[in-house]
Amino acid sequence: MSKNATLTWKLPVARVDGGVLSPDEISGTEVLMSADLGANFSTVADVPPTDPQTVTVNSLPPGDYIFRFIVSAFIGGPSDDFDFSGNVPDESAPLTVTDVVMTLS
């Protein structure tokens, strides 16, 4: 059974060197997703800093996912990657019994 996953996050308020980073210096957050343990990523969304910092990925089948977040600033370039791992559990019904044997006495 597939599920919708909603991710929310907070934008950084500082730079790597400790300097203040104001919201108007951020150009956006790129959100990527991998369904193969990080071998391949595809872009899910590019979220402007003025929008709510949230994204919903619809109809994820059961499995493990890695979501990667990259914040870009107008000056200073992109942030390091931040990876978040999530799991969509398999909630399907179990298979039926097998190998039933009847013994008569």
C-alpha atoms as a PDB file:
ATOM      1  CA  MET A   1       0.000   0.000   0.000  1.00  0.00           C
ATOM      2  CA  SER A   2       1.546   3.301  -1.050  1.00  0.00           C
ATOM      3  CA  LYS A   3       1.724   6.310   1.254  1.00  0.00           C
ATOM      4  CA  ASN A   4       2.128  10.059   0.894  1.00  0.00           C
ATOM      5  CA  ALA A   5       5.172  11.473   2.702  1.00  0.00           C
ATOM      6  CA  THR A   6       5.196  15.109   3.844  1.00  0.00           C
ATOM      7  CA  LEU A   7       8.579  16.561   4.766  1.00  0.00           C
ATOM      8  CA  THR A   8       9.066  19.849   6.596  1.00  0.00           C
ATOM      9  CA  TRP A   9      12.290  21.621   7.567  1.00  0.00           C
ATOM     10  CA  LYS A  10      13.772  24.850   8.865  1.00  0.00           C
ATOM     11  CA  LEU A  11      16.093  27.022   6.832  1.00  0.00           C
ATOM     12  CA  PRO A  12      19.573  27.729   8.233  1.00  0.00           C
ATOM     13  CA  VAL A  13      20.207  31.023  10.023  1.00  0.00           C
ATOM     14  CA  ALA A  14      24.010  30.850   9.856  1.00  0.00           C
ATOM     15  CA  ARG A  15      26.777  30.203   7.374  1.00  0.00           C
ATOM     16  CA  VAL A  16      29.454  27.504   7.706  1.00  0.00           C
ATOM     17  CA  ASP A  17      31.918  30.065   9.136  1.00  0.00           C
ATOM     18  CA  GLY A  18      29.378  31.096  11.805  1.00  0.00           C
ATOM     19  CA  GLY A  19      28.287  34.309  10.106  1.00  0.00           C
ATOM     20  CA  VAL A  20      24.618  35.280  10.115  1.00  0.00           C
ATOM     21  CA  LEU A  21      22.541  34.185   7.135  1.00  0.00           C
ATOM     22  CA  SER A  22      19.386  36.212   6.602  1.00  0.00           C
ATOM     23  CA  PRO A  23      16.387  34.666   4.812  1.00  0.00           C
ATOM     24  CA  ASP A  24      16.692  37.117   1.914  1.00  0.00           C
ATOM     25  CA  GLU A  25      20.168  35.702   1.145  1.00  0.00           C
ATOM     26  CA  ILE A  26      18.725  32.226   0.488  1.00  0.00           C
ATOM     27  CA  SER A  27      17.679  31.445  -3.065  1.00  0.00           C
ATOM     28  CA  GLY A  28      15.956  28.139  -2.292  1.00  0.00           C
ATOM     29  CA  THR A  29      16.093  24.543  -1.149  1.00  0.00           C
ATOM     30  CA  GLU A  30      16.423  21.659  -3.583  1.00  0.00           C
ATOM     31  CA  VAL A  31      14.842  18.430  -2.347  1.00  0.00           C
ATOM     32  CA  LEU A  32      15.935  15.189  -3.983  1.00  0.00           C
ATOM     33  CA  MET A  33      14.899  11.581  -3.392  1.00  0.00           C
ATOM     34  CA  SER A  34      16.561   8.205  -3.798  1.00  0.00           C
ATOM     35  CA  ALA A  35      14.762   4.871  -3.709  1.00  0.00           C
ATOM     36  CA  ASP A  36      17.923   2.819  -4.292  1.00  0.00           C
ATOM     37  CA  LEU A  37      20.001   3.487  -1.155  1.00  0.00           C
ATOM     38  CA  GLY A  38      21.509   6.662  -2.578  1.00  0.00           C
ATOM     39  CA  ALA A  39      22.829   5.304  -5.872  1.00  0.00           C
ATOM     40  CA  ASN A  40      20.587   7.698  -7.827  1.00  0.00           C
ATOM     41  CA  PHE A  41      18.718  10.846  -6.822  1.00  0.00           C
ATOM     42  CA  SER A  42      15.970  12.721  -8.626  1.00  0.00           C
ATOM     43  CA  THR A  43      14.695  16.206  -7.842  1.00  0.00           C
ATOM     44  CA  VAL A  44      11.361  16.247  -6.008  1.00  0.00           C
ATOM     45  CA  ALA A  45      11.024  20.019  -5.585  1.00  0.00           C
ATOM     46  CA  ASP A  46      12.789  23.371  -5.583  1.00  0.00           C
ATOM     47  CA  VAL A  47      11.292  25.343  -2.712  1.00  0.00           C
ATOM     48  CA  PRO A  48      11.737  29.141  -2.610  1.00  0.00           C
ATOM     49  CA  PRO A  49      12.600  30.580   0.815  1.00  0.00           C
ATOM     50  CA  THR A  50       9.385  32.608   0.845  1.00  0.00           C
ATOM     51  CA  ASP A  51       7.207  29.474   0.540  1.00  0.00           C
ATOM     52  CA  PRO A  52       6.369  27.116   3.417  1.00  0.00           C
ATOM     53  CA  GLN A  53       9.330  24.797   3.835  1.00  0.00           C
ATOM     54  CA  THR A  54       7.433  21.627   3.095  1.00  0.00           C
ATOM     55  CA  VAL A  55       7.005  19.157   0.278  1.00  0.00           C
ATOM     56  CA  THR A  56       4.717  16.157  -0.165  1.00  0.00           C
ATOM     57  CA  VAL A  57       5.759  13.129  -2.195  1.00  0.00           C
ATOM     58  CA  ASN A  58       2.706  11.144  -3.225  1.00  0.00           C
ATOM     59  CA  SER A  59       2.173   7.419  -3.689  1.00  0.00           C
ATOM     60  CA  LEU A  60       5.431   6.034  -2.297  1.00  0.00           C
ATOM     61  CA  PRO A  61       5.392   2.236  -2.347  1.00  0.00           C
ATOM     62  CA  PRO A  62       6.833   0.344   0.642  1.00  0.00           C
ATOM     63  CA  GLY A  63      10.588   0.664   0.880  1.00  0.00           C
ATOM     64  CA  ASP A  64      13.498   2.739   2.139  1.00  0.00           C
ATOM     65  CA  TYR A  65      14.050   6.271   0.882  1.00  0.00           C
ATOM     66  CA  ILE A  66      16.735   8.914   1.247  1.00  0.00           C
ATOM     67  CA  PHE A  67      15.700  12.544   0.943  1.00  0.00           C
ATOM     68  CA  ARG A  68      18.504  15.017   0.258  1.00  0.00           C
ATOM     69  CA  PHE A  69      18.249  18.729   1.037  1.00  0.00           C
ATOM     70  CA  ILE A  70      20.553  21.367  -0.491  1.00  0.00           C
ATOM     71  CA  VAL A  71      20.152  25.031   0.449  1.00  0.00           C
ATOM     72  CA  SER A  72      21.432  27.600  -2.040  1.00  0.00           C
ATOM     73  CA  ALA A  73      22.421  31.153  -1.221  1.00  0.00           C
ATOM     74  CA  PHE A  74      22.862  34.035  -3.640  1.00  0.00           C
ATOM     75  CA  ILE A  75      26.420  34.459  -2.308  1.00  0.00           C
ATOM     76  CA  GLY A  76      28.482  31.518  -1.107  1.00  0.00           C
ATOM     77  CA  GLY A  77      26.970  28.751  -3.186  1.00  0.00           C
ATOM     78  CA  PRO A  78      25.107  25.643  -2.057  1.00  0.00           C
ATOM     79  CA  SER A  79      25.189  24.023   1.373  1.00  0.00           C
ATOM     80  CA  ASP A  80      26.548  20.574   2.022  1.00  0.00           C
ATOM     81  CA  ASP A  81      24.043  17.811   1.370  1.00  0.00           C
ATOM     82  CA  PHE A  82      21.773  16.905   4.272  1.00  0.00           C
ATOM     83  CA  ASP A  83      20.356  13.384   3.950  1.00  0.00           C
ATOM     84  CA  PHE A  84      17.260  12.178   5.787  1.00  0.00           C
ATOM     85  CA  SER A  85      16.305   8.491   5.698  1.00  0.00           C
ATOM     86  CA  GLY A  86      12.705   7.354   5.865  1.00  0.00           C
ATOM     87  CA  ASN A  87      10.831   4.094   5.496  1.00  0.00           C
ATOM     88  CA  VAL A  88       7.390   3.336   4.135  1.00  0.00           C
ATOM     89  CA  PRO A  89       6.362   0.121   5.880  1.00  0.00           C
ATOM     90  CA  ASP A  90       4.737  -2.756   4.042  1.00  0.00           C
ATOM     91  CA  GLU A  91       1.244  -2.900   5.542  1.00  0.00           C
ATOM     92  CA  SER A  92      -0.215  -5.417   3.127  1.00  0.00           C
ATOM     93  CA  ALA A  93      -1.911  -8.539   4.441  1.00  0.00           C
ATOM     94  CA  PRO A  94       0.219 -11.666   4.921  1.00  0.00           C
ATOM     95  CA  LEU A  95       0.124 -14.524   2.453  1.00  0.00           C
ATOM     96  CA  THR A  96      -1.961 -17.566   3.290  1.00  0.00           C
ATOM     97  CA  VAL A  97      -0.617 -20.683   4.991  1.00  0.00           C
ATOM     98  CA  THR A  98       1.152 -23.322   2.915  1.00  0.00           C
ATOM     99  CA  ASP A  99       2.136 -26.941   3.154  1.00  0.00           C
ATOM    100  CA  VAL A 100      -0.896 -28.083   5.150  1.00  0.00           C
ATOM    101  CA  VAL A 101      -0.797 -31.770   5.973  1.00  0.00           C
ATOM    102  CA  MET A 102      -3.655 -33.829   7.357  1.00  0.00           C
ATOM    103  CA  THR A 103      -2.825 -37.013   9.197  1.00  0.00           C
ATOM    104  CA  LEU A 104      -5.570 -39.574   9.846  1.00  0.00           C
ATOM    105  CA  SER A 105      -5.453 -42.095  12.657  1.00  0.00           C
END
